[in-house]
C-alpha atoms as a PDB file:
ATOM      1  CA  UNK A   1       1.723 -83.692  47.768  1.00  0.00           C
ATOM      2  CA  UNK A   2       3.526 -80.908  49.609  1.00  0.00           C
ATOM      3  CA  UNK A   3       1.637 -78.765  52.060  1.00  0.00           C
ATOM      4  CA  UNK A   4       2.772 -75.140  52.435  1.00  0.00           C
ATOM      5  CA  UNK A   5       2.595 -72.621  55.256  1.00  0.00           C
ATOM      6  CA  UNK A   6       3.185 -68.970  54.452  1.00  0.00           C
ATOM      7  CA  UNK A   7       4.141 -67.478  57.812  1.00  0.00           C
ATOM      8  CA  UNK A   8       4.931 -63.794  57.975  1.00  0.00           C
ATOM      9  CA  UNK A   9       5.641 -60.985  60.404  1.00  0.00           C
ATOM     10  CA  UNK A  10       4.528 -57.645  58.993  1.00  0.00           C
ATOM     11  CA  UNK A  11       4.944 -54.372  60.821  1.00  0.00           C
ATOM     12  CA  UNK A  12       3.741 -51.897  58.186  1.00  0.00           C
ATOM     13  CA  UNK A  13       1.763 -54.248  55.955  1.00  0.00           C
ATOM     14  CA  UNK A  14       4.416 -54.527  53.231  1.00  0.00           C
ATOM     15  CA  UNK A  15       5.437 -58.094  54.053  1.00  0.00           C
ATOM     16  CA  UNK A  16       1.778 -59.106  54.198  1.00  0.00           C
ATOM     17  CA  UNK A  17       1.332 -57.880  50.605  1.00  0.00           C
ATOM     18  CA  UNK A  18       4.155 -60.172  49.450  1.00  0.00           C
ATOM     19  CA  UNK A  19       2.767 -63.092  51.500  1.00  0.00           C
ATOM     20  CA  UNK A  20      -0.570 -62.724  49.729  1.00  0.00           C
ATOM     21  CA  UNK A  21       1.106 -62.646  46.299  1.00  0.00           C
ATOM     22  CA  UNK A  22       2.926 -65.880  47.198  1.00  0.00           C
ATOM     23  CA  UNK A  23      -0.383 -67.452  48.261  1.00  0.00           C
ATOM     24  CA  UNK A  24      -1.943 -66.449  44.914  1.00  0.00           C
ATOM     25  CA  UNK A  25       0.915 -68.241  43.137  1.00  0.00           C
ATOM     26  CA  UNK A  26       1.404 -71.404  45.206  1.00  0.00           C
ATOM     27  CA  UNK A  27      -1.628 -71.788  47.446  1.00  0.00           C
ATOM     28  CA  UNK A  28      -0.905 -72.792  51.021  1.00  0.00           C
ATOM     29  CA  UNK A  29      -2.103 -71.420  54.303  1.00  0.00           C
ATOM     30  CA  UNK A  30      -1.322 -67.943  55.620  1.00  0.00           C
ATOM     31  CA  UNK A  31      -0.236 -67.356  59.205  1.00  0.00           C
ATOM     32  CA  UNK A  32       0.509 -63.895  60.504  1.00  0.00           C
ATOM     33  CA  UNK A  33       3.119 -63.901  63.254  1.00  0.00           C
ATOM     34  CA  UNK A  34       2.049 -61.353  65.853  1.00  0.00           C
ATOM     35  CA  UNK A  35       3.573 -60.413  69.173  1.00  0.00           C
ATOM     36  CA  UNK A  36       1.634 -60.113  72.422  1.00  0.00           C
ATOM     37  CA  UNK A  37       3.187 -56.695  73.028  1.00  0.00           C
ATOM     38  CA  UNK A  38       2.820 -54.348  70.081  1.00  0.00           C
ATOM     39  CA  UNK A  39       5.627 -52.292  68.612  1.00  0.00           C
ATOM     40  CA  UNK A  40       5.789 -48.479  68.569  1.00  0.00           C
ATOM     41  CA  UNK A  41       3.850 -46.870  65.747  1.00  0.00           C
ATOM     42  CA  UNK A  42       6.610 -44.529  64.584  1.00  0.00           C
ATOM     43  CA  UNK A  43       9.627 -45.618  62.535  1.00  0.00           C
ATOM     44  CA  UNK A  44      12.345 -44.389  64.922  1.00  0.00           C
ATOM     45  CA  UNK A  45      10.610 -46.089  67.838  1.00  0.00           C
ATOM     46  CA  UNK A  46      10.468 -49.386  65.959  1.00  0.00           C
ATOM     47  CA  UNK A  47      14.140 -49.175  64.993  1.00  0.00           C
ATOM     48  CA  UNK A  48      15.117 -48.446  68.604  1.00  0.00           C
ATOM     49  CA  UNK A  49      12.968 -51.331  69.867  1.00  0.00           C
ATOM     50  CA  UNK A  50      14.362 -53.724  67.235  1.00  0.00           C
ATOM     51  CA  UNK A  51      17.947 -52.822  68.169  1.00  0.00           C
ATOM     52  CA  UNK A  52      17.198 -53.196  71.876  1.00  0.00           C
ATOM     53  CA  UNK A  53      15.632 -56.635  71.282  1.00  0.00           C
ATOM     54  CA  UNK A  54      18.616 -57.769  69.203  1.00  0.00           C
ATOM     55  CA  UNK A  55      21.167 -56.475  71.700  1.00  0.00           C
ATOM     56  CA  UNK A  56      19.497 -58.380  74.544  1.00  0.00           C
ATOM     57  CA  UNK A  57      18.543 -61.406  72.393  1.00  0.00           C
ATOM     58  CA  UNK A  58      14.965 -60.875  73.545  1.00  0.00           C
ATOM     59  CA  UNK A  59      12.338 -63.353  72.357  1.00  0.00           C
ATOM     60  CA  UNK A  60       8.916 -61.698  72.260  1.00  0.00           C
ATOM     61  CA  UNK A  61       5.909 -63.843  73.076  1.00  0.00           C
ATOM     62  CA  UNK A  62       3.710 -64.627  70.085  1.00  0.00           C
ATOM     63  CA  UNK A  63      -0.078 -64.597  69.910  1.00  0.00           C
ATOM     64  CA  UNK A  64      -0.432 -67.621  67.622  1.00  0.00           C
ATOM     65  CA  UNK A  65       0.625 -71.235  67.752  1.00  0.00           C
ATOM     66  CA  UNK A  66       0.751 -73.695  64.859  1.00  0.00           C
ATOM     67  CA  UNK A  67      -0.861 -76.878  66.143  1.00  0.00           C
ATOM     68  CA  UNK A  68       0.050 -79.083  63.176  1.00  0.00           C
ATOM     69  CA  UNK A  69       3.512 -77.911  62.082  1.00  0.00           C
ATOM     70  CA  UNK A  70       4.454 -81.507  61.261  1.00  0.00           C
ATOM     71  CA  UNK A  71       1.904 -81.495  58.431  1.00  0.00           C
ATOM     72  CA  UNK A  72       3.770 -78.781  56.486  1.00  0.00           C
ATOM     73  CA  UNK A  73       6.628 -79.632  54.141  1.00  0.00           C
ATOM     74  CA  UNK A  74       7.350 -76.121  52.861  1.00  0.00           C
ATOM     75  CA  UNK A  75       7.524 -73.053  55.082  1.00  0.00           C
ATOM     76  CA  UNK A  76       7.621 -69.648  53.431  1.00  0.00           C
ATOM     77  CA  UNK A  77       8.798 -67.160  56.022  1.00  0.00           C
ATOM     78  CA  UNK A  78       8.336 -63.439  55.506  1.00  0.00           C
ATOM     79  CA  UNK A  79       9.588 -60.506  57.530  1.00  0.00           C
ATOM     80  CA  UNK A  80      10.854 -56.959  57.303  1.00  0.00           C
ATOM     81  CA  UNK A  81      14.649 -56.694  57.371  1.00  0.00           C
ATOM     82  CA  UNK A  82      15.231 -55.178  60.791  1.00  0.00           C
ATOM     83  CA  UNK A  83      18.821 -54.227  61.576  1.00  0.00           C
ATOM     84  CA  UNK A  84      20.126 -56.576  58.838  1.00  0.00           C
ATOM     85  CA  UNK A  85      18.270 -59.706  59.936  1.00  0.00           C
ATOM     86  CA  UNK A  86      14.946 -61.230  60.933  1.00  0.00           C
ATOM     87  CA  UNK A  87      12.908 -59.534  63.665  1.00  0.00           C
ATOM     88  CA  UNK A  88      13.217 -61.193  67.051  1.00  0.00           C
ATOM     89  CA  UNK A  89       9.582 -62.353  66.764  1.00  0.00           C
ATOM     90  CA  UNK A  90      10.715 -64.529  63.844  1.00  0.00           C
ATOM     91  CA  UNK A  91      13.522 -65.935  66.018  1.00  0.00           C
ATOM     92  CA  UNK A  92      10.783 -66.865  68.521  1.00  0.00           C
ATOM     93  CA  UNK A  93       8.780 -68.527  65.741  1.00  0.00           C
ATOM     94  CA  UNK A  94      11.749 -70.594  64.528  1.00  0.00           C
ATOM     95  CA  UNK A  95      12.688 -71.643  68.054  1.00  0.00           C
ATOM     96  CA  UNK A  96       9.116 -72.784  68.784  1.00  0.00           C
ATOM     97  CA  UNK A  97       9.035 -75.676  66.291  1.00  0.00           C
ATOM     98  CA  UNK A  98      11.178 -78.391  64.767  1.00  0.00           C
ATOM     99  CA  UNK A  99      11.915 -77.505  61.148  1.00  0.00           C
ATOM    100  CA  UNK A 100      14.066 -80.574  60.449  1.00  0.00           C
ATOM    101  CA  UNK A 101      13.597 -81.971  56.932  1.00  0.00           C
ATOM    102  CA  UNK A 102      11.428 -79.005  55.922  1.00  0.00           C
ATOM    103  CA  UNK A 103      12.068 -76.642  53.039  1.00  0.00           C
ATOM    104  CA  UNK A 104      12.258 -73.045  54.237  1.00  0.00           C
ATOM    105  CA  UNK A 105      11.801 -70.225  51.747  1.00  0.00           C
ATOM    106  CA  UNK A 106      12.574 -66.754  53.126  1.00  0.00           C
ATOM    107  CA  UNK A 107      11.267 -63.464  51.762  1.00  0.00           C
ATOM    108  CA  UNK A 108      11.677 -59.997  53.157  1.00  0.00           C
ATOM    109  CA  UNK A 109      10.806 -56.391  52.630  1.00  0.00           C
ATOM    110  CA  UNK A 110      13.427 -53.746  53.216  1.00  0.00           C
ATOM    111  CA  UNK A 111      14.368 -50.112  52.901  1.00  0.00           C
ATOM    112  CA  UNK A 112      17.705 -50.762  51.219  1.00  0.00           C
ATOM    113  CA  UNK A 113      19.341 -53.598  53.141  1.00  0.00           C
ATOM    114  CA  UNK A 114      18.129 -56.498  51.004  1.00  0.00           C
ATOM    115  CA  UNK A 115      18.241 -59.868  52.774  1.00  0.00           C
ATOM    116  CA  UNK A 116      21.020 -58.667  55.093  1.00  0.00           C
ATOM    117  CA  UNK A 117      22.288 -61.648  57.092  1.00  0.00           C
ATOM    118  CA  UNK A 118      18.792 -63.077  57.556  1.00  0.00           C
ATOM    119  CA  UNK A 119      19.343 -66.187  55.415  1.00  0.00           C
ATOM    120  CA  UNK A 120      22.510 -67.011  57.354  1.00  0.00           C
ATOM    121  CA  UNK A 121      20.638 -66.582  60.642  1.00  0.00           C
ATOM    122  CA  UNK A 122      17.772 -68.793  59.441  1.00  0.00           C
ATOM    123  CA  UNK A 123      20.249 -71.510  58.437  1.00  0.00           C
ATOM    124  CA  UNK A 124      21.775 -71.353  61.932  1.00  0.00           C
ATOM    125  CA  UNK A 125      18.322 -71.659  63.525  1.00  0.00           C
ATOM    126  CA  UNK A 126      17.302 -74.517  61.213  1.00  0.00           C
ATOM    127  CA  UNK A 127      20.467 -76.524  60.494  1.00  0.00           C
ATOM    128  CA  UNK A 128      18.537 -79.633  59.408  1.00  0.00           C
ATOM    129  CA  UNK A 129      16.346 -77.779  56.917  1.00  0.00           C
ATOM    130  CA  UNK A 130      16.719 -76.994  53.247  1.00  0.00           C
ATOM    131  CA  UNK A 131      16.798 -73.182  53.106  1.00  0.00           C
ATOM    132  CA  UNK A 132      16.233 -71.944  49.555  1.00  0.00           C
ATOM    133  CA  UNK A 133      17.276 -68.664  47.961  1.00  0.00           C
ATOM    134  CA  UNK A 134      15.238 -65.832  49.389  1.00  0.00           C
ATOM    135  CA  UNK A 135      13.585 -62.806  47.834  1.00  0.00           C
ATOM    136  CA  UNK A 136      14.066 -59.238  49.001  1.00  0.00           C
ATOM    137  CA  UNK A 137      11.574 -56.583  47.875  1.00  0.00           C
ATOM    138  CA  UNK A 138      11.895 -52.885  48.660  1.00  0.00           C
ATOM    139  CA  UNK A 139       9.035 -51.808  50.874  1.00  0.00           C
ATOM    140  CA  UNK A 140       8.213 -48.988  48.480  1.00  0.00           C
ATOM    141  CA  UNK A 141       7.835 -51.506  45.613  1.00  0.00           C
ATOM    142  CA  UNK A 142       5.551 -54.149  47.126  1.00  0.00           C
ATOM    143  CA  UNK A 143       2.518 -53.077  45.116  1.00  0.00           C
ATOM    144  CA  UNK A 144       4.505 -53.515  41.871  1.00  0.00           C
ATOM    145  CA  UNK A 145       6.158 -56.813  42.855  1.00  0.00           C
ATOM    146  CA  UNK A 146       3.844 -59.452  41.302  1.00  0.00           C
ATOM    147  CA  UNK A 147       6.152 -60.235  38.368  1.00  0.00           C
ATOM    148  CA  UNK A 148       9.252 -60.308  40.592  1.00  0.00           C
ATOM    149  CA  UNK A 149       7.580 -62.696  43.052  1.00  0.00           C
ATOM    150  CA  UNK A 150       6.369 -65.010  40.267  1.00  0.00           C
ATOM    151  CA  UNK A 151       9.801 -65.000  38.584  1.00  0.00           C
ATOM    152  CA  UNK A 152      11.494 -65.851  41.904  1.00  0.00           C
ATOM    153  CA  UNK A 153       9.038 -68.679  42.658  1.00  0.00           C
ATOM    154  CA  UNK A 154       9.687 -70.077  39.197  1.00  0.00           C
ATOM    155  CA  UNK A 155      13.477 -69.716  39.589  1.00  0.00           C
ATOM    156  CA  UNK A 156      13.511 -71.664  42.864  1.00  0.00           C
ATOM    157  CA  UNK A 157      11.285 -74.336  41.326  1.00  0.00           C
ATOM    158  CA  UNK A 158       8.059 -74.088  43.325  1.00  0.00           C
ATOM    159  CA  UNK A 159       5.888 -73.058  40.342  1.00  0.00           C
END
């Protein structure tokens, strides 16, 4: 039987809402990816920080470690679309473990950029993984997304 981890980085809480909807549908364990140093509380500050981290390929230190990553077969990975891709904290997460032979299922929240290039970047970080079609939900729609999440999970064959 497959064991699932629903890992997510959520700045404003939107991605966490989607992670919880996924858990309601498929079970699994939730893991919130958090950075040691917090991000600015205002939108412009976060955008500036995200761009700066991308431009310097910065890898922020995380507060959590998964001690039994080998026990998970399916990794749902959630994040806000920052500057067209995954936040650098999610790069740190992917570079901290071996995802070979795992199924990775991305989902993101966004303000209009959809998945951006995040799926491509995840495939580069995890070349020996099976990366399934992701789901992008507008941040303003997360509280109305239950049907969309369930339909996506059914479409990709996990429920």
